[in-house]
Amino acid sequence: MITEYIVNRVRDIMDSMTKMWASFMGMGLMIAASFLITFARVKLKGFFRVVVSIVAFLLLLVSIVYMLLSIL
């Protein structure tokens, strides 16, 4: 019930161009997360590695939300 309401609201609000930009944002954030996690594992150690890895994980979560919004 609630999920159906959210899907219908997103369909009403987002036109095709907005969905396209949301998918581009999702892809860009996924690429940024990939580069950050690679950089953290190769170049960093200790506390900074953990912080950059957490930031990369958060970017990945946000990118998943953008990608889900773009397919509704």
PDB file of N, CA and C in Angstrom:
ATOM      1  N   MET A   1       0.818  -1.188   0.000  1.00  0.00           N
ATOM      2  CA  MET A   1       0.000   0.000   0.000  1.00  0.00           C
ATOM      3  C   MET A   1       0.867   1.258   0.000  1.00  0.00           C
ATOM      4  N   ILE A   2       1.766   1.344   0.970  1.00  0.00           N
ATOM      5  CA  ILE A   2       2.638   2.518   1.055  1.00  0.00           C
ATOM      6  C   ILE A   2       3.615   2.538  -0.113  1.00  0.00           C
ATOM      7  N   THR A   3       4.143   1.381  -0.474  1.00  0.00           N
ATOM      8  CA  THR A   3       5.079   1.308  -1.589  1.00  0.00           C
ATOM      9  C   THR A   3       4.418   1.729  -2.893  1.00  0.00           C
ATOM     10  N   GLU A   4       3.191   1.304  -3.088  1.00  0.00           N
ATOM     11  CA  GLU A   4       2.457   1.685  -4.291  1.00  0.00           C
ATOM     12  C   GLU A   4       2.214   3.195  -4.329  1.00  0.00           C
ATOM     13  N   TYR A   5       1.917   3.774  -3.174  1.00  0.00           N
ATOM     14  CA  TYR A   5       1.717   5.220  -3.097  1.00  0.00           C
ATOM     15  C   TYR A   5       2.996   5.970  -3.473  1.00  0.00           C
ATOM     16  N   ILE A   6       4.138   5.510  -2.950  1.00  0.00           N
ATOM     17  CA  ILE A   6       5.419   6.163  -3.249  1.00  0.00           C
ATOM     18  C   ILE A   6       5.738   6.052  -4.731  1.00  0.00           C
ATOM     19  N   VAL A   7       5.532   4.884  -5.307  1.00  0.00           N
ATOM     20  CA  VAL A   7       5.803   4.680  -6.732  1.00  0.00           C
ATOM     21  C   VAL A   7       4.935   5.608  -7.574  1.00  0.00           C
ATOM     22  N   ASN A   8       3.666   5.716  -7.231  1.00  0.00           N
ATOM     23  CA  ASN A   8       2.771   6.591  -7.989  1.00  0.00           C
ATOM     24  C   ASN A   8       3.156   8.055  -7.841  1.00  0.00           C
ATOM     25  N   ARG A   9       3.578   8.475  -6.654  1.00  0.00           N
ATOM     26  CA  ARG A   9       3.995   9.864  -6.450  1.00  0.00           C
ATOM     27  C   ARG A   9       5.249  10.185  -7.247  1.00  0.00           C
ATOM     28  N   VAL A  10       6.207   9.261  -7.272  1.00  0.00           N
ATOM     29  CA  VAL A  10       7.437   9.481  -8.036  1.00  0.00           C
ATOM     30  C   VAL A  10       7.116   9.563  -9.524  1.00  0.00           C
ATOM     31  N   ARG A  11       6.230   8.719 -10.001  1.00  0.00           N
ATOM     32  CA  ARG A  11       5.837   8.760 -11.420  1.00  0.00           C
ATOM     33  C   ARG A  11       5.176  10.085 -11.763  1.00  0.00           C
ATOM     34  N   ASP A  12       4.375  10.619 -10.835  1.00  0.00           N
ATOM     35  CA  ASP A  12       3.706  11.896 -11.079  1.00  0.00           C
ATOM     36  C   ASP A  12       4.686  13.058 -11.088  1.00  0.00           C
ATOM     37  N   ILE A  13       5.681  13.019 -10.222  1.00  0.00           N
ATOM     38  CA  ILE A  13       6.609  14.138 -10.058  1.00  0.00           C
ATOM     39  C   ILE A  13       7.699  14.140 -11.124  1.00  0.00           C
ATOM     40  N   MET A  14       8.254  12.984 -11.434  1.00  0.00           N
ATOM     41  CA  MET A  14       9.429  12.917 -12.295  1.00  0.00           C
ATOM     42  C   MET A  14       9.045  12.646 -13.742  1.00  0.00           C
ATOM     43  N   ASP A  15       9.435  13.548 -14.631  1.00  0.00           N
ATOM     44  CA  ASP A  15       9.250  13.296 -16.053  1.00  0.00           C
ATOM     45  C   ASP A  15      10.461  12.528 -16.584  1.00  0.00           C
ATOM     46  N   SER A  16      10.475  12.259 -17.865  1.00  0.00           N
ATOM     47  CA  SER A  16      11.533  11.425 -18.455  1.00  0.00           C
ATOM     48  C   SER A  16      12.915  12.045 -18.332  1.00  0.00           C
ATOM     49  N   MET A  17      13.012  13.361 -18.541  1.00  0.00           N
ATOM     50  CA  MET A  17      14.320  14.022 -18.453  1.00  0.00           C
ATOM     51  C   MET A  17      14.861  14.004 -17.030  1.00  0.00           C
ATOM     52  N   THR A  18      13.993  14.181 -16.062  1.00  0.00           N
ATOM     53  CA  THR A  18      14.433  14.139 -14.670  1.00  0.00           C
ATOM     54  C   THR A  18      14.926  12.744 -14.307  1.00  0.00           C
ATOM     55  N   LYS A  19      14.244  11.726 -14.803  1.00  0.00           N
ATOM     56  CA  LYS A  19      14.692  10.354 -14.561  1.00  0.00           C
ATOM     57  C   LYS A  19      16.043  10.095 -15.205  1.00  0.00           C
ATOM     58  N   MET A  20      16.269  10.667 -16.388  1.00  0.00           N
ATOM     59  CA  MET A  20      17.551  10.518 -17.058  1.00  0.00           C
ATOM     60  C   MET A  20      18.666  11.133 -16.219  1.00  0.00           C
ATOM     61  N   TRP A  21      18.430  12.351 -15.709  1.00  0.00           N
ATOM     62  CA  TRP A  21      19.456  13.009 -14.897  1.00  0.00           C
ATOM     63  C   TRP A  21      19.680  12.273 -13.584  1.00  0.00           C
ATOM     64  N   ALA A  22      18.624  11.703 -13.015  1.00  0.00           N
ATOM     65  CA  ALA A  22      18.778  10.916 -11.794  1.00  0.00           C
ATOM     66  C   ALA A  22      19.645   9.685 -12.058  1.00  0.00           C
ATOM     67  N   SER A  23      19.461   9.049 -13.208  1.00  0.00           N
ATOM     68  CA  SER A  23      20.290   7.877 -13.519  1.00  0.00           C
ATOM     69  C   SER A  23      21.741   8.284 -13.764  1.00  0.00           C
ATOM     70  N   PHE A  24      21.962   9.442 -14.408  1.00  0.00           N
ATOM     71  CA  PHE A  24      23.333   9.936 -14.592  1.00  0.00           C
ATOM     72  C   PHE A  24      23.992  10.239 -13.247  1.00  0.00           C
ATOM     73  N   MET A  25      23.231  10.837 -12.336  1.00  0.00           N
ATOM     74  CA  MET A  25      23.777  11.109 -10.997  1.00  0.00           C
ATOM     75  C   MET A  25      24.133   9.807 -10.290  1.00  0.00           C
ATOM     76  N   GLY A  26      23.274   8.810 -10.416  1.00  0.00           N
ATOM     77  CA  GLY A  26      23.553   7.514  -9.799  1.00  0.00           C
ATOM     78  C   GLY A  26      24.807   6.873 -10.357  1.00  0.00           C
ATOM     79  N   MET A  27      24.965   6.933 -11.687  1.00  0.00           N
ATOM     80  CA  MET A  27      26.168   6.361 -12.302  1.00  0.00           C
ATOM     81  C   MET A  27      27.423   7.123 -11.888  1.00  0.00           C
ATOM     82  N   GLY A  28      27.324   8.450 -11.853  1.00  0.00           N
ATOM     83  CA  GLY A  28      28.471   9.258 -11.441  1.00  0.00           C
ATOM     84  C   GLY A  28      28.876   8.984 -10.007  1.00  0.00           C
ATOM     85  N   LEU A  29      27.891   8.849  -9.120  1.00  0.00           N
ATOM     86  CA  LEU A  29      28.207   8.551  -7.729  1.00  0.00           C
ATOM     87  C   LEU A  29      28.803   7.156  -7.578  1.00  0.00           C
ATOM     88  N   MET A  30      28.354   6.200  -8.390  1.00  0.00           N
ATOM     89  CA  MET A  30      28.947   4.858  -8.349  1.00  0.00           C
ATOM     90  C   MET A  30      30.406   4.888  -8.802  1.00  0.00           C
ATOM     91  N   ILE A  31      30.684   5.656  -9.838  1.00  0.00           N
ATOM     92  CA  ILE A  31      32.067   5.787 -10.311  1.00  0.00           C
ATOM     93  C   ILE A  31      32.934   6.448  -9.248  1.00  0.00           C
ATOM     94  N   ALA A  32      32.412   7.511  -8.626  1.00  0.00           N
ATOM     95  CA  ALA A  32      33.160   8.193  -7.569  1.00  0.00           C
ATOM     96  C   ALA A  32      33.420   7.256  -6.396  1.00  0.00           C
ATOM     97  N   ALA A  33      32.424   6.464  -6.014  1.00  0.00           N
ATOM     98  CA  ALA A  33      32.598   5.513  -4.917  1.00  0.00           C
ATOM     99  C   ALA A  33      33.649   4.465  -5.270  1.00  0.00           C
ATOM    100  N   SER A  34      33.646   4.024  -6.504  1.00  0.00           N
ATOM    101  CA  SER A  34      34.633   3.039  -6.947  1.00  0.00           C
ATOM    102  C   SER A  34      36.055   3.592  -6.871  1.00  0.00           C
ATOM    103  N   PHE A  35      36.233   4.824  -7.357  1.00  0.00           N
ATOM    104  CA  PHE A  35      37.562   5.440  -7.284  1.00  0.00           C
ATOM    105  C   PHE A  35      37.996   5.683  -5.842  1.00  0.00           C
ATOM    106  N   LEU A  36      37.073   6.117  -5.004  1.00  0.00           N
ATOM    107  CA  LEU A  36      37.422   6.370  -3.605  1.00  0.00           C
ATOM    108  C   LEU A  36      37.828   5.092  -2.880  1.00  0.00           C
ATOM    109  N   ILE A  37      37.098   4.017  -3.088  1.00  0.00           N
ATOM    110  CA  ILE A  37      37.440   2.786  -2.383  1.00  0.00           C
ATOM    111  C   ILE A  37      38.753   2.210  -2.901  1.00  0.00           C
ATOM    112  N   THR A  38      39.006   2.351  -4.202  1.00  0.00           N
ATOM    113  CA  THR A  38      40.285   1.905  -4.748  1.00  0.00           C
ATOM    114  C   THR A  38      41.432   2.735  -4.187  1.00  0.00           C
ATOM    115  N   PHE A  39      41.247   4.045  -4.139  1.00  0.00           N
ATOM    116  CA  PHE A  39      42.259   4.939  -3.580  1.00  0.00           C
ATOM    117  C   PHE A  39      42.518   4.619  -2.110  1.00  0.00           C
ATOM    118  N   ALA A  40      41.454   4.372  -1.356  1.00  0.00           N
ATOM    119  CA  ALA A  40      41.605   4.081   0.070  1.00  0.00           C
ATOM    120  C   ALA A  40      42.372   2.785   0.292  1.00  0.00           C
ATOM    121  N   ARG A  41      42.099   1.777  -0.509  1.00  0.00           N
ATOM    122  CA  ARG A  41      42.767   0.491  -0.308  1.00  0.00           C
ATOM    123  C   ARG A  41      44.217   0.492  -0.760  1.00  0.00           C
ATOM    124  N   VAL A  42      44.535   1.289  -1.794  1.00  0.00           N
ATOM    125  CA  VAL A  42      45.886   1.266  -2.347  1.00  0.00           C
ATOM    126  C   VAL A  42      46.811   2.260  -1.652  1.00  0.00           C
ATOM    127  N   LYS A  43      46.324   3.475  -1.401  1.00  0.00           N
ATOM    128  CA  LYS A  43      47.203   4.552  -0.956  1.00  0.00           C
ATOM    129  C   LYS A  43      47.124   4.889   0.526  1.00  0.00           C
ATOM    130  N   LEU A  44      46.009   4.625   1.177  1.00  0.00           N
ATOM    131  CA  LEU A  44      45.823   5.099   2.543  1.00  0.00           C
ATOM    132  C   LEU A  44      45.977   3.977   3.555  1.00  0.00           C
ATOM    133  N   LYS A  45      46.232   4.396   4.805  1.00  0.00           N
ATOM    134  CA  LYS A  45      46.343   3.447   5.910  1.00  0.00           C
ATOM    135  C   LYS A  45      45.679   4.039   7.145  1.00  0.00           C
ATOM    136  N   GLY A  46      45.246   3.167   8.017  1.00  0.00           N
ATOM    137  CA  GLY A  46      44.741   3.581   9.313  1.00  0.00           C
ATOM    138  C   GLY A  46      43.416   4.327   9.260  1.00  0.00           C
ATOM    139  N   PHE A  47      43.362   5.410  10.039  1.00  0.00           N
ATOM    140  CA  PHE A  47      42.135   6.189  10.227  1.00  0.00           C
ATOM    141  C   PHE A  47      41.612   6.762   8.915  1.00  0.00           C
ATOM    142  N   PHE A  48      42.497   7.309   8.085  1.00  0.00           N
ATOM    143  CA  PHE A  48      42.057   7.930   6.834  1.00  0.00           C
ATOM    144  C   PHE A  48      41.463   6.896   5.875  1.00  0.00           C
ATOM    145  N   ARG A  49      42.006   5.698   5.911  1.00  0.00           N
ATOM    146  CA  ARG A  49      41.461   4.628   5.071  1.00  0.00           C
ATOM    147  C   ARG A  49      40.028   4.304   5.474  1.00  0.00           C
ATOM    148  N   VAL A  50      39.767   4.257   6.766  1.00  0.00           N
ATOM    149  CA  VAL A  50      38.431   3.961   7.263  1.00  0.00           C
ATOM    150  C   VAL A  50      37.465   5.079   6.891  1.00  0.00           C
ATOM    151  N   VAL A  51      37.889   6.332   7.059  1.00  0.00           N
ATOM    152  CA  VAL A  51      37.029   7.476   6.765  1.00  0.00           C
ATOM    153  C   VAL A  51      36.678   7.517   5.281  1.00  0.00           C
ATOM    154  N   VAL A  52      37.660   7.349   4.415  1.00  0.00           N
ATOM    155  CA  VAL A  52      37.408   7.389   2.970  1.00  0.00           C
ATOM    156  C   VAL A  52      36.547   6.200   2.547  1.00  0.00           C
ATOM    157  N   SER A  53      36.735   5.059   3.164  1.00  0.00           N
ATOM    158  CA  SER A  53      35.906   3.892   2.847  1.00  0.00           C
ATOM    159  C   SER A  53      34.455   4.119   3.262  1.00  0.00           C
ATOM    160  N   ILE A  54      34.234   4.745   4.402  1.00  0.00           N
ATOM    161  CA  ILE A  54      32.872   5.051   4.845  1.00  0.00           C
ATOM    162  C   ILE A  54      32.221   6.051   3.902  1.00  0.00           C
ATOM    163  N   VAL A  55      32.959   7.063   3.479  1.00  0.00           N
ATOM    164  CA  VAL A  55      32.427   8.043   2.526  1.00  0.00           C
ATOM    165  C   VAL A  55      32.060   7.348   1.216  1.00  0.00           C
ATOM    166  N   ALA A  56      32.902   6.453   0.749  1.00  0.00           N
ATOM    167  CA  ALA A  56      32.617   5.716  -0.484  1.00  0.00           C
ATOM    168  C   ALA A  56      31.365   4.857  -0.328  1.00  0.00           C
ATOM    169  N   PHE A  57      31.214   4.227   0.823  1.00  0.00           N
ATOM    170  CA  PHE A  57      30.028   3.407   1.066  1.00  0.00           C
ATOM    171  C   PHE A  57      28.763   4.265   1.076  1.00  0.00           C
ATOM    172  N   LEU A  58      28.829   5.443   1.689  1.00  0.00           N
ATOM    173  CA  LEU A  58      27.674   6.341   1.709  1.00  0.00           C
ATOM    174  C   LEU A  58      27.332   6.831   0.306  1.00  0.00           C
ATOM    175  N   LEU A  59      28.357   7.129  -0.500  1.00  0.00           N
ATOM    176  CA  LEU A  59      28.107   7.513  -1.890  1.00  0.00           C
ATOM    177  C   LEU A  59      27.425   6.382  -2.652  1.00  0.00           C
ATOM    178  N   LEU A  60      27.833   5.165  -2.385  1.00  0.00           N
ATOM    179  CA  LEU A  60      27.210   4.017  -3.039  1.00  0.00           C
ATOM    180  C   LEU A  60      25.745   3.886  -2.647  1.00  0.00           C
ATOM    181  N   LEU A  61      25.428   4.092  -1.381  1.00  0.00           N
ATOM    182  CA  LEU A  61      24.039   4.023  -0.942  1.00  0.00           C
ATOM    183  C   LEU A  61      23.188   5.108  -1.610  1.00  0.00           C
ATOM    184  N   VAL A  62      23.711   6.322  -1.689  1.00  0.00           N
ATOM    185  CA  VAL A  62      22.982   7.407  -2.340  1.00  0.00           C
ATOM    186  C   VAL A  62      22.799   7.101  -3.822  1.00  0.00           C
ATOM    187  N   SER A  63      23.816   6.532  -4.450  1.00  0.00           N
ATOM    188  CA  SER A  63      23.700   6.204  -5.876  1.00  0.00           C
ATOM    189  C   SER A  63      22.636   5.133  -6.110  1.00  0.00           C
ATOM    190  N   ILE A  64      22.497   4.195  -5.184  1.00  0.00           N
ATOM    191  CA  ILE A  64      21.460   3.177  -5.308  1.00  0.00           C
ATOM    192  C   ILE A  64      20.077   3.813  -5.243  1.00  0.00           C
ATOM    193  N   VAL A  65      19.903   4.783  -4.360  1.00  0.00           N
ATOM    194  CA  VAL A  65      18.617   5.483  -4.266  1.00  0.00           C
ATOM    195  C   VAL A  65      18.320   6.214  -5.569  1.00  0.00           C
ATOM    196  N   TYR A  66      19.314   6.918  -6.120  1.00  0.00           N
ATOM    197  CA  TYR A  66      19.112   7.612  -7.388  1.00  0.00           C
ATOM    198  C   TYR A  66      18.741   6.643  -8.500  1.00  0.00           C
ATOM    199  N   MET A  67      19.417   5.522  -8.566  1.00  0.00           N
ATOM    200  CA  MET A  67      19.133   4.558  -9.625  1.00  0.00           C
ATOM    201  C   MET A  67      17.735   3.953  -9.468  1.00  0.00           C
ATOM    202  N   LEU A  68      17.322   3.692  -8.233  1.00  0.00           N
ATOM    203  CA  LEU A  68      15.970   3.173  -8.018  1.00  0.00           C
ATOM    204  C   LEU A  68      14.913   4.206  -8.392  1.00  0.00           C
ATOM    205  N   LEU A  69      15.164   5.461  -8.087  1.00  0.00           N
ATOM    206  CA  LEU A  69      14.232   6.507  -8.469  1.00  0.00           C
ATOM    207  C   LEU A  69      14.120   6.643  -9.977  1.00  0.00           C
ATOM    208  N   SER A  70      15.223   6.401 -10.661  1.00  0.00           N
ATOM    209  CA  SER A  70      15.206   6.582 -12.109  1.00  0.00           C
ATOM    210  C   SER A  70      14.466   5.464 -12.849  1.00  0.00           C
ATOM    211  N   ILE A  71      14.280   4.309 -12.197  1.00  0.00           N
ATOM    212  CA  ILE A  71      13.577   3.217 -12.885  1.00  0.00           C
ATOM    213  C   ILE A  71      12.099   3.151 -12.529  1.00  0.00           C
ATOM    214  N   LEU A  72      11.654   3.952 -11.583  1.00  0.00           N
ATOM    215  CA  LEU A  72      10.226   3.927 -11.221  1.00  0.00           C
ATOM    216  C   LEU A  72       9.380   4.599 -12.274  1.00  0.00           C
TER     217      LEU A  72
END
